[in-house]
Amino acid sequence: MLYNALKLLHLLSIIVWVGGMVFAHFFLRPAAQQLEPPLRVALMHGVLQRFLAAVGIAVVLALTSGLAMIGMVSMGGGFSMPADWNFMSGLGLLMMAIYGYIYLALLSRLDNAVAQADWPAGAQALARIRSWVSMNLLLGMAIIVVVLLW
């Protein structure tokens, strides 16, 4: 029962993270492109602050639930982690590192640009964030495909 609860928590955290990236990248951003730069940058800034905070929680939940599941399965000894778990773990850690860079470095650039009403700098920060989110989205989708089809 505990293992199933951990797996559900793990999956729900991934849904928030990857699903949020899909929504932002394919639906929110194109719609926001119709707005004037001050409104667009301010809107995306507000959305990203909230989304990245939620992803921070999702990252902690995904990591702790994943480690707990690995620990539970490996307790009997003689455990060799399956290849798809290794793939998921490796790319998941890379995704977490990219998230950390977005949150700790790129979001602060956007924060500063919005605070100073420097809309060109804000647009540059958003473009950098978008490129890294795109990379994380590709990695997340690769994990999902491999784990489901392996």
C-alpha atoms as a PDB file:
ATOM      1  CA  MET A   1       0.000   0.000   0.000  1.00  0.00           C
ATOM      2  CA  LEU A   2       2.821   2.445   0.858  1.00  0.00           C
ATOM      3  CA  TYR A   3       4.595   1.663  -2.407  1.00  0.00           C
ATOM      4  CA  ASN A   4       1.414   2.384  -4.386  1.00  0.00           C
ATOM      5  CA  ALA A   5       0.914   5.681  -2.527  1.00  0.00           C
ATOM      6  CA  LEU A   6       4.517   6.676  -3.302  1.00  0.00           C
ATOM      7  CA  LYS A   7       4.042   5.749  -6.955  1.00  0.00           C
ATOM      8  CA  LEU A   8       0.866   7.852  -7.120  1.00  0.00           C
ATOM      9  CA  LEU A   9       2.641  10.811  -5.493  1.00  0.00           C
ATOM     10  CA  HIS A  10       5.529  10.389  -7.938  1.00  0.00           C
ATOM     11  CA  LEU A  11       3.215  10.296 -10.946  1.00  0.00           C
ATOM     12  CA  LEU A  12       1.117  13.260  -9.797  1.00  0.00           C
ATOM     13  CA  SER A  13       4.219  15.383  -9.298  1.00  0.00           C
ATOM     14  CA  ILE A  14       5.380  14.531 -12.828  1.00  0.00           C
ATOM     15  CA  ILE A  15       1.933  15.388 -14.218  1.00  0.00           C
ATOM     16  CA  VAL A  16       2.129  18.843 -12.609  1.00  0.00           C
ATOM     17  CA  TRP A  17       5.664  19.412 -13.903  1.00  0.00           C
ATOM     18  CA  VAL A  18       5.438  18.063 -17.451  1.00  0.00           C
ATOM     19  CA  GLY A  19       1.788  19.004 -17.922  1.00  0.00           C
ATOM     20  CA  GLY A  20       2.524  22.546 -16.803  1.00  0.00           C
ATOM     21  CA  MET A  21       5.360  22.811 -19.309  1.00  0.00           C
ATOM     22  CA  VAL A  22       3.074  21.590 -22.101  1.00  0.00           C
ATOM     23  CA  PHE A  23       0.409  24.119 -21.136  1.00  0.00           C
ATOM     24  CA  ALA A  24       2.830  27.032 -20.863  1.00  0.00           C
ATOM     25  CA  HIS A  25       4.764  26.211 -24.016  1.00  0.00           C
ATOM     26  CA  PHE A  26       1.954  25.301 -26.400  1.00  0.00           C
ATOM     27  CA  PHE A  27      -1.045  27.254 -25.107  1.00  0.00           C
ATOM     28  CA  LEU A  28      -0.175  30.139 -22.772  1.00  0.00           C
ATOM     29  CA  ARG A  29       2.880  31.483 -24.582  1.00  0.00           C
ATOM     30  CA  PRO A  30       1.300  31.614 -28.057  1.00  0.00           C
ATOM     31  CA  ALA A  31      -1.771  33.386 -26.661  1.00  0.00           C
ATOM     32  CA  ALA A  32       0.393  35.837 -24.694  1.00  0.00           C
ATOM     33  CA  GLN A  33       2.344  36.713 -27.860  1.00  0.00           C
ATOM     34  CA  GLN A  34      -0.647  38.820 -28.915  1.00  0.00           C
ATOM     35  CA  LEU A  35      -0.126  41.174 -25.953  1.00  0.00           C
ATOM     36  CA  GLU A  36       2.097  44.255 -25.942  1.00  0.00           C
ATOM     37  CA  PRO A  37       5.550  43.573 -24.433  1.00  0.00           C
ATOM     38  CA  PRO A  38       4.882  45.167 -21.014  1.00  0.00           C
ATOM     39  CA  LEU A  39       1.701  43.143 -20.536  1.00  0.00           C
ATOM     40  CA  ARG A  40       3.165  39.945 -22.001  1.00  0.00           C
ATOM     41  CA  VAL A  41       6.329  40.039 -19.892  1.00  0.00           C
ATOM     42  CA  ALA A  42       4.396  40.913 -16.735  1.00  0.00           C
ATOM     43  CA  LEU A  43       1.869  38.126 -17.367  1.00  0.00           C
ATOM     44  CA  MET A  44       4.525  35.504 -18.044  1.00  0.00           C
ATOM     45  CA  HIS A  45       6.486  36.683 -15.006  1.00  0.00           C
ATOM     46  CA  GLY A  46       3.469  36.176 -12.749  1.00  0.00           C
ATOM     47  CA  VAL A  47       2.678  32.804 -14.249  1.00  0.00           C
ATOM     48  CA  LEU A  48       6.292  31.598 -14.061  1.00  0.00           C
ATOM     49  CA  GLN A  49       6.670  32.657 -10.433  1.00  0.00           C
ATOM     50  CA  ARG A  50       3.665  30.546  -9.479  1.00  0.00           C
ATOM     51  CA  PHE A  51       4.464  27.643 -11.788  1.00  0.00           C
ATOM     52  CA  LEU A  52       8.128  27.385 -10.797  1.00  0.00           C
ATOM     53  CA  ALA A  53       7.185  27.447  -7.111  1.00  0.00           C
ATOM     54  CA  ALA A  54       4.762  24.562  -7.711  1.00  0.00           C
ATOM     55  CA  VAL A  55       7.417  22.710  -9.718  1.00  0.00           C
ATOM     56  CA  GLY A  56       9.816  23.129  -6.804  1.00  0.00           C
ATOM     57  CA  ILE A  57       7.376  21.179  -4.649  1.00  0.00           C
ATOM     58  CA  ALA A  58       6.869  18.645  -7.449  1.00  0.00           C
ATOM     59  CA  VAL A  59      10.643  18.170  -7.759  1.00  0.00           C
ATOM     60  CA  VAL A  60      10.995  17.460  -4.040  1.00  0.00           C
ATOM     61  CA  LEU A  61       8.051  15.043  -4.133  1.00  0.00           C
ATOM     62  CA  ALA A  62       9.300  13.255  -7.269  1.00  0.00           C
ATOM     63  CA  LEU A  63      12.807  12.881  -5.862  1.00  0.00           C
ATOM     64  CA  THR A  64      11.777  11.709  -2.398  1.00  0.00           C
ATOM     65  CA  SER A  65       9.073   9.353  -3.645  1.00  0.00           C
ATOM     66  CA  GLY A  66      11.413   7.934  -6.302  1.00  0.00           C
ATOM     67  CA  LEU A  67      14.189   7.343  -3.789  1.00  0.00           C
ATOM     68  CA  ALA A  68      11.739   5.800  -1.330  1.00  0.00           C
ATOM     69  CA  MET A  69      10.412   3.393  -3.985  1.00  0.00           C
ATOM     70  CA  ILE A  70      13.942   2.385  -4.969  1.00  0.00           C
ATOM     71  CA  GLY A  71      14.748   1.867  -1.300  1.00  0.00           C
ATOM     72  CA  MET A  72      11.673  -0.275  -0.718  1.00  0.00           C
ATOM     73  CA  VAL A  73      12.360  -2.495  -3.726  1.00  0.00           C
ATOM     74  CA  SER A  74      16.059  -2.888  -2.935  1.00  0.00           C
ATOM     75  CA  MET A  75      15.606  -3.845   0.740  1.00  0.00           C
ATOM     76  CA  GLY A  76      15.613  -7.570   0.027  1.00  0.00           C
ATOM     77  CA  GLY A  77      19.178  -7.482  -1.310  1.00  0.00           C
ATOM     78  CA  GLY A  78      20.425  -8.618  -4.686  1.00  0.00           C
ATOM     79  CA  PHE A  79      18.587  -5.735  -6.331  1.00  0.00           C
ATOM     80  CA  SER A  80      19.713  -4.509  -9.715  1.00  0.00           C
ATOM     81  CA  MET A  81      17.857  -1.418 -10.846  1.00  0.00           C
ATOM     82  CA  PRO A  82      16.095  -1.964 -14.188  1.00  0.00           C
ATOM     83  CA  ALA A  83      17.451  -0.077 -17.207  1.00  0.00           C
ATOM     84  CA  ASP A  84      14.332   2.080 -17.542  1.00  0.00           C
ATOM     85  CA  TRP A  85      14.653   3.130 -13.890  1.00  0.00           C
ATOM     86  CA  ASN A  86      18.284   4.091 -14.511  1.00  0.00           C
ATOM     87  CA  PHE A  87      17.207   6.093 -17.565  1.00  0.00           C
ATOM     88  CA  MET A  88      14.406   7.776 -15.595  1.00  0.00           C
ATOM     89  CA  SER A  89      16.703   8.544 -12.667  1.00  0.00           C
ATOM     90  CA  GLY A  90      19.502   9.960 -14.785  1.00  0.00           C
ATOM     91  CA  LEU A  91      17.330  12.177 -16.961  1.00  0.00           C
ATOM     92  CA  GLY A  92      15.173  13.115 -13.977  1.00  0.00           C
ATOM     93  CA  LEU A  93      18.235  14.399 -12.119  1.00  0.00           C
ATOM     94  CA  LEU A  94      19.257  16.339 -15.236  1.00  0.00           C
ATOM     95  CA  MET A  95      15.755  17.848 -15.408  1.00  0.00           C
ATOM     96  CA  MET A  96      16.052  18.856 -11.755  1.00  0.00           C
ATOM     97  CA  ALA A  97      19.381  20.553 -12.426  1.00  0.00           C
ATOM     98  CA  ILE A  98      17.878  22.457 -15.358  1.00  0.00           C
ATOM     99  CA  TYR A  99      14.930  23.455 -13.175  1.00  0.00           C
ATOM    100  CA  GLY A 100      17.393  24.729 -10.556  1.00  0.00           C
ATOM    101  CA  TYR A 101      19.159  26.853 -13.176  1.00  0.00           C
ATOM    102  CA  ILE A 102      15.859  28.272 -14.418  1.00  0.00           C
ATOM    103  CA  TYR A 103      14.629  29.026 -10.913  1.00  0.00           C
ATOM    104  CA  LEU A 104      17.843  30.315  -9.355  1.00  0.00           C
ATOM    105  CA  ALA A 105      19.423  32.156 -12.293  1.00  0.00           C
ATOM    106  CA  LEU A 106      16.982  32.901 -15.073  1.00  0.00           C
ATOM    107  CA  LEU A 107      13.917  33.790 -13.006  1.00  0.00           C
ATOM    108  CA  SER A 108      15.940  36.377 -11.075  1.00  0.00           C
ATOM    109  CA  ARG A 109      16.889  38.023 -14.391  1.00  0.00           C
ATOM    110  CA  LEU A 110      13.210  38.187 -15.257  1.00  0.00           C
ATOM    111  CA  ASP A 111      12.380  39.501 -11.769  1.00  0.00           C
ATOM    112  CA  ASN A 112      14.935  42.309 -12.193  1.00  0.00           C
ATOM    113  CA  ALA A 113      13.726  43.198 -15.684  1.00  0.00           C
ATOM    114  CA  VAL A 114      10.108  43.443 -14.537  1.00  0.00           C
ATOM    115  CA  ALA A 115      11.059  45.472 -11.438  1.00  0.00           C
ATOM    116  CA  GLN A 116      12.930  47.941 -13.659  1.00  0.00           C
ATOM    117  CA  ALA A 117      10.268  47.873 -16.413  1.00  0.00           C
ATOM    118  CA  ASP A 118      13.034  46.834 -18.820  1.00  0.00           C
ATOM    119  CA  TRP A 119      10.811  44.979 -21.283  1.00  0.00           C
ATOM    120  CA  PRO A 120      13.552  44.061 -23.799  1.00  0.00           C
ATOM    121  CA  ALA A 121      15.589  42.461 -20.987  1.00  0.00           C
ATOM    122  CA  GLY A 122      12.439  40.734 -19.777  1.00  0.00           C
ATOM    123  CA  ALA A 123      11.804  39.363 -23.251  1.00  0.00           C
ATOM    124  CA  GLN A 124      15.411  38.088 -23.380  1.00  0.00           C
ATOM    125  CA  ALA A 125      15.014  36.393 -20.011  1.00  0.00           C
ATOM    126  CA  LEU A 126      11.756  34.813 -21.161  1.00  0.00           C
ATOM    127  CA  ALA A 127      13.449  33.530 -24.327  1.00  0.00           C
ATOM    128  CA  ARG A 128      16.201  31.889 -22.248  1.00  0.00           C
ATOM    129  CA  ILE A 129      13.641  30.375 -19.901  1.00  0.00           C
ATOM    130  CA  ARG A 130      11.616  29.103 -22.862  1.00  0.00           C
ATOM    131  CA  SER A 131      14.650  27.386 -24.391  1.00  0.00           C
ATOM    132  CA  TRP A 132      15.485  25.596 -21.130  1.00  0.00           C
ATOM    133  CA  VAL A 133      11.844  24.693 -20.519  1.00  0.00           C
ATOM    134  CA  SER A 134      11.778  23.238 -24.043  1.00  0.00           C
ATOM    135  CA  MET A 135      14.806  21.100 -23.181  1.00  0.00           C
ATOM    136  CA  ASN A 136      13.164  19.928 -19.965  1.00  0.00           C
ATOM    137  CA  LEU A 137       9.948  19.176 -21.812  1.00  0.00           C
ATOM    138  CA  LEU A 138      11.838  17.014 -24.320  1.00  0.00           C
ATOM    139  CA  LEU A 139      13.636  15.188 -21.510  1.00  0.00           C
ATOM    140  CA  GLY A 140      10.372  14.655 -19.621  1.00  0.00           C
ATOM    141  CA  MET A 141       8.647  13.305 -22.705  1.00  0.00           C
ATOM    142  CA  ALA A 142      11.602  10.994 -23.402  1.00  0.00           C
ATOM    143  CA  ILE A 143      11.341   9.607 -19.877  1.00  0.00           C
ATOM    144  CA  ILE A 144       7.610   9.014 -20.247  1.00  0.00           C
ATOM    145  CA  VAL A 145       7.990   7.271 -23.618  1.00  0.00           C
ATOM    146  CA  VAL A 146      10.876   5.047 -22.497  1.00  0.00           C
ATOM    147  CA  VAL A 147       9.288   4.058 -19.187  1.00  0.00           C
ATOM    148  CA  LEU A 148       5.922   3.277 -20.788  1.00  0.00           C
ATOM    149  CA  LEU A 149       7.320   1.401 -23.781  1.00  0.00           C
ATOM    150  CA  TRP A 150      10.324  -0.367 -22.214  1.00  0.00           C
END
